[in-house]
Amino acid sequence: MTIIARRNAIRLKQLAAVVLTALLVAAGCGSDASHASVSSTTAPAATASTSTNVPTPTEVPGSALTGDVAFLGPIKTVPVGKLTMAFRQFGTGPELVMIAGQASPMSVWPVSTLADLAKTHHVTIYDHRDLGGTTPVDSAPFTLEDLADDAAGLIAALGLDRPAVFGWSTGGEVGLLVAIRHPAVLSALAITGAYPGGPKSVLPPESVNQLFSDPNPDLAKLFEVLFSPSGVDAQHEFVADLVKVPQVAVSAEATAQYDVAERKYWSDPEPDLASIKVPVLVMNGADDFAVPAANAEYIAQRIGAKAQLELDPGGRHGWFVEHSGHFDQLMASFLH
């Protein structure tokens, strides 16, 4: 191992330790005082819905943040079917709903990504069922189709008028299912790191599946999945963003159930991707080994003329953080 490689390995271990500490203790750092030392920056103000036919959300006390994450606004909840769903809204411009990945609460979205998107869009992020501030329905297993119905229900409950949707990883798969099952609720879909579902899914090694289904994953290995070997700065940024926002614990039971739902998506018949009628930006890291780029190529092929395929050179599963300039350019061009 070269001296540079050793230094990078040491920094990676240090970063993993920081992330682990953040995930363990940040759940108790939700007050404004916990963020008082963060420097303040100008942030876009949230745009409220003008519809009178939607329920009034309830603000979660003490959930507002300060400093350069104040723009995220407080956590609010709203009834969606049998669920009470937790969300944040911020930014100005056309509506954009973001769907996080497998067993991931909304707190894992990188602040830098959210800040960039909030410059041009009114953004909604939310917790899936069983995660963060969103309640479980019952003890019965759920599917990604159920998560798609939840997302469509939230869009309706918030009175959003055909927003664009962006989904990362499993969130991208949920987005595809929203476009198939609820085509009238969205105007456009952007996804990255998603599988098509069914037998044509090009799956990663089982060790990667186990990493994502582990409630206490090896964080050094997780960074290898998210970032390229040269992406040390992106690792630092990702860690710094995590520490800024209170993280919530995800139970082993919820993690296991999301793993079951993801694997069912792979084994079930392929969703009717050809039926999608809205424009779809299909993105992927060209070197993503968690979700190989062949999946994005197949998704775009099945959707047909409505799809735009973009592979990020050298990017892995978290390429949009590591190569944020490329991501911002693609999203701005697609959502103009």
Protein backbone atom coordinates (compact mmCIF):
# COMPACT_ATOMS: atom_id res chain seq x y z
CA MET A 1 0.00 0.00 0.00
CA THR A 2 1.34 3.43 -0.95
CA ILE A 3 1.70 6.29 1.54
CA ILE A 4 -1.22 8.10 -0.11
CA ALA A 5 -3.38 4.98 0.07
CA ARG A 6 -2.52 4.55 3.76
CA ARG A 7 -3.47 8.17 4.46
CA ASN A 8 -6.76 7.75 2.64
CA ALA A 9 -7.50 4.56 4.56
CA ILE A 10 -6.80 6.31 7.86
CA ARG A 11 -9.02 9.25 6.90
CA LEU A 12 -11.77 6.83 5.88
CA LYS A 13 -11.64 5.12 9.28
CA GLN A 14 -11.75 8.51 11.00
CA LEU A 15 -14.76 9.52 8.91
CA ALA A 16 -16.50 6.25 9.74
CA ALA A 17 -15.98 6.90 13.44
CA VAL A 18 -17.43 10.40 13.09
CA VAL A 19 -20.49 9.13 11.24
CA LEU A 20 -21.07 6.37 13.75
CA THR A 21 -20.88 8.88 16.59
CA ALA A 22 -23.27 11.21 14.79
CA LEU A 23 -25.80 8.46 14.17
CA LEU A 24 -25.66 7.34 17.79
CA VAL A 25 -25.91 10.72 19.50
CA ALA A 26 -27.54 13.14 17.07
CA ALA A 27 -31.03 11.90 17.86
CA GLY A 28 -30.68 13.81 21.12
CA CYS A 29 -29.52 17.00 19.39
CA GLY A 30 -32.80 18.18 17.93
CA SER A 31 -33.11 21.51 19.76
CA ASP A 32 -32.22 24.84 18.24
CA ALA A 33 -29.44 25.22 20.79
CA SER A 34 -27.62 22.18 19.46
CA HIS A 35 -27.06 24.02 16.17
CA ALA A 36 -26.39 27.50 17.55
CA SER A 37 -22.71 27.40 16.61
CA VAL A 38 -23.40 26.77 12.91
CA SER A 39 -22.83 29.88 10.82
CA SER A 40 -25.99 31.43 9.41
CA THR A 41 -26.54 31.81 5.67
CA THR A 42 -29.36 33.17 3.57
CA ALA A 43 -31.87 30.43 2.80
CA PRO A 44 -34.94 30.23 0.58
CA ALA A 45 -38.27 30.62 2.34
CA ALA A 46 -40.88 27.86 2.16
CA THR A 47 -43.88 28.27 -0.13
CA ALA A 48 -47.17 27.20 1.40
CA SER A 49 -49.88 25.35 -0.51
CA THR A 50 -52.85 27.49 -1.50
CA SER A 51 -55.36 24.62 -1.63
CA THR A 52 -58.25 24.70 0.85
CA ASN A 53 -59.18 21.04 0.38
CA VAL A 54 -56.25 19.50 2.23
CA PRO A 55 -55.73 18.76 5.92
CA THR A 56 -53.80 21.25 7.99
CA PRO A 57 -50.36 19.85 8.91
CA THR A 58 -49.24 19.79 12.52
CA GLU A 59 -45.80 21.19 13.40
CA VAL A 60 -43.58 19.01 15.60
CA PRO A 61 -42.40 21.15 18.55
CA GLY A 62 -38.65 21.70 18.77
CA SER A 63 -37.99 20.37 15.26
CA ALA A 64 -36.94 23.69 13.70
CA LEU A 65 -33.21 24.02 13.09
CA THR A 66 -30.85 26.99 13.11
CA GLY A 67 -27.78 28.16 11.23
CA ASP A 68 -27.21 27.00 7.69
CA VAL A 69 -29.80 24.21 8.06
CA ALA A 70 -32.57 26.59 9.22
CA PHE A 71 -33.88 26.64 5.64
CA LEU A 72 -35.14 23.06 6.11
CA GLY A 73 -37.92 24.36 8.33
CA PRO A 74 -39.67 22.36 11.05
CA ILE A 75 -40.89 18.81 10.77
CA LYS A 76 -44.64 18.67 10.22
CA THR A 77 -47.05 15.74 10.14
CA VAL A 78 -50.20 15.13 8.13
CA PRO A 79 -52.67 12.21 7.99
CA VAL A 80 -52.32 10.02 4.89
CA GLY A 81 -54.75 7.12 4.95
CA LYS A 82 -53.93 5.04 8.03
CA LEU A 83 -50.56 6.77 8.39
CA THR A 84 -49.42 9.97 9.98
CA MET A 85 -46.55 11.07 7.72
CA ALA A 86 -43.68 13.37 8.75
CA PHE A 87 -42.20 15.82 6.25
CA ARG A 88 -40.24 19.05 5.79
CA GLN A 89 -40.83 21.67 3.10
CA PHE A 90 -38.49 24.45 1.99
CA GLY A 91 -37.33 26.49 -0.97
CA THR A 92 -39.19 28.43 -3.66
CA GLY A 93 -40.27 27.53 -7.16
CA PRO A 94 -41.96 24.54 -8.81
CA GLU A 95 -42.79 21.58 -6.57
CA LEU A 96 -40.22 18.79 -6.14
CA VAL A 97 -40.82 15.73 -3.94
CA MET A 98 -37.76 13.70 -2.93
CA ILE A 99 -37.97 10.00 -2.04
CA ALA A 100 -35.13 8.54 0.04
CA GLY A 101 -33.64 5.06 -0.25
CA GLN A 102 -33.96 1.73 1.51
CA ALA A 103 -34.84 2.11 5.22
CA SER A 104 -33.62 5.72 5.07
CA PRO A 105 -35.39 8.53 6.94
CA MET A 106 -35.42 11.99 5.38
CA SER A 107 -32.57 13.08 7.67
CA VAL A 108 -30.03 11.20 5.52
CA TRP A 109 -30.48 13.54 2.53
CA PRO A 110 -27.23 15.53 2.19
CA VAL A 111 -27.86 19.14 3.24
CA SER A 112 -25.71 20.41 0.38
CA THR A 113 -27.94 18.61 -2.15
CA LEU A 114 -31.10 19.96 -0.53
CA ALA A 115 -29.73 23.51 -0.44
CA ASP A 116 -28.87 23.41 -4.14
CA LEU A 117 -32.31 22.11 -5.14
CA ALA A 118 -34.08 24.61 -2.85
CA LYS A 119 -32.62 27.49 -4.84
CA THR A 120 -34.95 26.67 -7.73
CA HIS A 121 -37.69 24.44 -6.25
CA HIS A 122 -40.14 24.17 -3.38
CA VAL A 123 -38.90 20.86 -1.99
CA THR A 124 -40.73 18.25 0.08
CA ILE A 125 -38.81 15.49 1.86
CA TYR A 126 -40.50 12.93 4.08
CA ASP A 127 -40.13 9.81 6.22
CA HIS A 128 -41.34 6.49 4.84
CA ARG A 129 -43.61 4.38 7.03
CA ASP A 130 -41.92 2.89 10.12
CA LEU A 131 -39.13 5.49 9.86
CA GLY A 132 -38.51 8.76 11.69
CA GLY A 133 -41.72 10.60 12.47
CA THR A 134 -43.99 8.55 10.19
CA THR A 135 -46.07 5.91 11.91
CA PRO A 136 -46.29 2.23 10.97
CA VAL A 137 -49.64 0.95 9.69
CA ASP A 138 -49.56 -2.42 11.43
CA SER A 139 -47.27 -5.43 11.76
CA ALA A 140 -48.10 -6.81 8.31
CA PRO A 141 -45.34 -6.85 5.67
CA PHE A 142 -45.43 -4.03 3.15
CA THR A 143 -44.20 -3.72 -0.41
CA LEU A 144 -42.64 -1.01 -2.53
CA GLU A 145 -46.06 -0.61 -4.12
CA ASP A 146 -47.37 0.35 -0.67
CA LEU A 147 -44.60 2.94 -0.38
CA ALA A 148 -45.60 4.33 -3.79
CA ASP A 149 -49.20 4.63 -2.61
CA ASP A 150 -47.92 6.42 0.52
CA ALA A 151 -45.99 8.91 -1.64
CA ALA A 152 -49.01 9.57 -3.87
CA GLY A 153 -51.17 9.98 -0.77
CA LEU A 154 -48.77 12.51 0.71
CA ILE A 155 -48.74 14.52 -2.52
CA ALA A 156 -52.55 14.65 -2.39
CA ALA A 157 -52.65 15.44 1.35
CA LEU A 158 -50.29 18.38 0.87
CA GLY A 159 -52.24 19.69 -2.09
CA LEU A 160 -49.24 19.56 -4.42
CA ASP A 161 -50.18 20.08 -8.05
CA ARG A 162 -48.36 17.46 -10.12
CA PRO A 163 -44.88 17.91 -8.64
CA ALA A 164 -41.71 16.56 -10.14
CA VAL A 165 -40.32 13.62 -8.15
CA PHE A 166 -36.71 12.63 -7.50
CA GLY A 167 -35.87 9.23 -6.00
CA TRP A 168 -32.53 7.80 -4.92
CA SER A 169 -31.92 4.03 -4.85
CA THR A 170 -35.05 2.31 -3.50
CA GLY A 171 -36.62 5.76 -3.64
CA GLY A 172 -36.12 5.70 -7.39
CA GLU A 173 -37.95 2.40 -7.57
CA VAL A 174 -40.78 3.87 -5.50
CA GLY A 175 -40.83 6.79 -7.93
CA LEU A 176 -41.18 4.43 -10.89
CA LEU A 177 -44.11 2.74 -9.15
CA VAL A 178 -45.74 6.11 -8.45
CA ALA A 179 -45.50 6.92 -12.16
CA ILE A 180 -47.06 3.55 -13.02
CA ARG A 181 -49.75 3.38 -10.31
CA HIS A 182 -50.61 7.08 -9.96
CA PRO A 183 -49.67 8.73 -13.28
CA ALA A 184 -51.82 11.82 -12.68
CA VAL A 185 -50.06 12.93 -9.49
CA LEU A 186 -46.63 13.82 -10.93
CA SER A 187 -45.33 15.79 -13.90
CA ALA A 188 -41.81 14.36 -14.23
CA LEU A 189 -39.58 11.78 -12.56
CA ALA A 190 -35.82 11.74 -11.97
CA ILE A 191 -34.17 8.66 -10.48
CA THR A 192 -30.68 7.44 -9.69
CA GLY A 193 -29.40 4.07 -8.53
CA ALA A 194 -32.67 2.19 -9.08
CA TYR A 195 -33.48 -1.36 -10.18
CA PRO A 196 -36.18 -2.07 -12.78
CA GLY A 197 -37.64 -4.85 -10.66
CA GLY A 198 -38.30 -8.37 -11.85
CA PRO A 199 -35.91 -10.90 -13.39
CA LYS A 200 -34.01 -8.36 -15.52
CA SER A 201 -32.62 -6.61 -12.43
CA VAL A 202 -28.81 -6.87 -12.43
CA LEU A 203 -28.11 -7.47 -8.76
CA PRO A 204 -24.93 -6.75 -6.80
CA PRO A 205 -22.94 -9.27 -4.75
CA GLU A 206 -24.82 -10.52 -1.72
CA SER A 207 -22.28 -8.78 0.51
CA VAL A 208 -23.61 -5.42 -0.74
CA ASN A 209 -27.21 -6.49 -0.09
CA GLN A 210 -26.25 -7.45 3.44
CA LEU A 211 -24.55 -4.09 3.94
CA PHE A 212 -27.75 -2.21 3.09
CA SER A 213 -29.89 -4.52 5.23
CA ASP A 214 -27.62 -4.24 8.29
CA PRO A 215 -28.90 -1.77 10.94
CA ASN A 216 -25.28 -1.26 12.02
CA PRO A 217 -23.31 -1.46 8.75
CA ASP A 218 -19.55 -1.35 8.37
CA LEU A 219 -19.28 2.34 7.55
CA ALA A 220 -15.91 2.05 5.81
CA LYS A 221 -17.50 -0.44 3.40
CA LEU A 222 -20.53 1.81 3.04
CA PHE A 223 -18.30 4.70 1.97
CA GLU A 224 -16.70 2.43 -0.64
CA VAL A 225 -20.16 1.81 -2.06
CA LEU A 226 -21.13 5.49 -2.08
CA PHE A 227 -17.94 7.17 -3.29
CA SER A 228 -15.09 6.58 -5.71
CA PRO A 229 -11.54 6.05 -4.37
CA SER A 230 -10.79 9.71 -5.14
CA GLY A 231 -13.93 10.98 -3.43
CA VAL A 232 -12.43 11.79 -0.02
CA ASP A 233 -13.76 15.36 -0.12
CA ALA A 234 -17.25 14.02 -0.84
CA GLN A 235 -16.96 11.72 2.16
CA HIS A 236 -16.10 14.72 4.35
CA GLU A 237 -19.05 16.67 2.97
CA PHE A 238 -21.43 13.76 3.50
CA VAL A 239 -20.31 13.38 7.12
CA ALA A 240 -20.52 17.12 7.76
CA ASP A 241 -24.06 17.17 6.39
CA LEU A 242 -25.14 14.25 8.58
CA VAL A 243 -23.88 15.93 11.71
CA LYS A 244 -25.82 19.14 10.98
CA VAL A 245 -29.23 17.45 11.08
CA PRO A 246 -30.55 15.34 13.98
CA GLN A 247 -30.45 11.71 12.92
CA VAL A 248 -33.09 9.23 13.94
CA ALA A 249 -32.58 5.62 14.90
CA VAL A 250 -33.92 2.95 12.54
CA SER A 251 -34.98 -0.26 14.27
CA ALA A 252 -33.63 -3.65 13.26
CA GLU A 253 -37.22 -4.72 12.57
CA ALA A 254 -37.81 -1.85 10.14
CA THR A 255 -34.46 -2.46 8.43
CA ALA A 256 -35.35 -6.13 7.96
CA GLN A 257 -38.80 -5.31 6.59
CA TYR A 258 -37.36 -2.91 4.02
CA ASP A 259 -34.93 -5.62 2.94
CA VAL A 260 -37.86 -8.02 2.47
CA ALA A 261 -39.74 -5.42 0.42
CA GLU A 262 -36.72 -4.72 -1.79
CA ARG A 263 -36.05 -8.39 -2.46
CA LYS A 264 -39.73 -8.94 -3.29
CA TYR A 265 -39.46 -6.15 -5.87
CA TRP A 266 -36.65 -8.11 -7.52
CA SER A 267 -38.49 -11.43 -7.50
CA ASP A 268 -41.94 -10.17 -8.53
CA PRO A 269 -42.83 -9.69 -12.20
CA GLU A 270 -41.31 -6.59 -13.74
CA PRO A 271 -43.39 -3.43 -13.29
CA ASP A 272 -45.00 -2.05 -16.44
CA LEU A 273 -42.26 0.47 -17.16
CA ALA A 274 -43.47 0.94 -20.73
CA SER A 275 -46.73 2.40 -19.39
CA ILE A 276 -45.00 5.43 -17.85
CA LYS A 277 -46.20 8.58 -19.58
CA VAL A 278 -44.23 11.35 -17.85
CA PRO A 279 -40.66 12.32 -18.79
CA VAL A 280 -38.09 10.31 -16.80
CA LEU A 281 -34.45 11.24 -16.19
CA VAL A 282 -32.70 7.92 -15.55
CA MET A 283 -29.33 8.50 -13.87
CA ASN A 284 -26.68 6.20 -12.42
CA GLY A 285 -23.06 6.16 -11.46
CA ALA A 286 -21.18 4.46 -14.28
CA ASP A 287 -19.06 2.62 -11.69
CA ASP A 288 -21.86 1.94 -9.20
CA PHE A 289 -21.49 -1.66 -8.03
CA ALA A 290 -24.39 -1.45 -5.56
CA VAL A 291 -26.79 -0.85 -8.44
CA PRO A 292 -24.91 -1.58 -11.66
CA ALA A 293 -25.45 0.89 -14.49
CA ALA A 294 -26.96 -1.87 -16.64
CA ASN A 295 -30.14 -1.39 -14.60
CA ALA A 296 -30.44 2.26 -15.62
CA GLU A 297 -29.82 1.33 -19.24
CA TYR A 298 -32.57 -1.28 -19.11
CA ILE A 299 -35.03 1.05 -17.36
CA ALA A 300 -34.48 3.73 -20.01
CA GLN A 301 -34.88 1.16 -22.78
CA ARG A 302 -38.17 -0.14 -21.34
CA ILE A 303 -39.63 3.34 -20.80
CA GLY A 304 -38.69 4.31 -24.33
CA ALA A 305 -38.92 7.79 -25.84
CA LYS A 306 -39.96 9.41 -22.54
CA ALA A 307 -36.65 8.43 -20.91
CA GLN A 308 -33.35 10.32 -20.86
CA LEU A 309 -30.37 8.19 -19.79
CA GLU A 310 -27.37 9.81 -18.05
CA LEU A 311 -24.42 7.86 -16.57
CA ASP A 312 -21.95 9.74 -14.38
CA PRO A 313 -18.35 8.81 -15.35
CA GLY A 314 -16.53 7.26 -12.40
CA GLY A 315 -19.51 7.73 -10.11
CA ARG A 316 -20.76 5.20 -7.58
CA HIS A 317 -24.02 5.05 -5.61
CA GLY A 318 -23.54 8.52 -4.08
CA TRP A 319 -22.21 10.14 -7.25
CA PHE A 320 -24.62 13.10 -7.01
CA VAL A 321 -22.83 14.20 -3.82
CA GLU A 322 -19.33 13.56 -5.14
CA HIS A 323 -20.01 15.11 -8.55
CA SER A 324 -22.62 17.65 -7.46
CA GLY A 325 -21.92 20.02 -10.34
CA HIS A 326 -22.82 17.34 -12.89
CA PHE A 327 -25.94 16.41 -10.92
CA ASP A 328 -27.07 20.04 -10.61
CA GLN A 329 -26.62 20.56 -14.34
CA LEU A 330 -28.62 17.45 -15.24
CA MET A 331 -31.45 18.29 -12.86
CA ALA A 332 -31.61 21.94 -13.93
CA SER A 333 -31.78 20.98 -17.61
CA PHE A 334 -34.40 18.29 -17.00
CA LEU A 335 -36.63 20.29 -14.63
CA HIS A 336 -36.39 23.68 -16.41
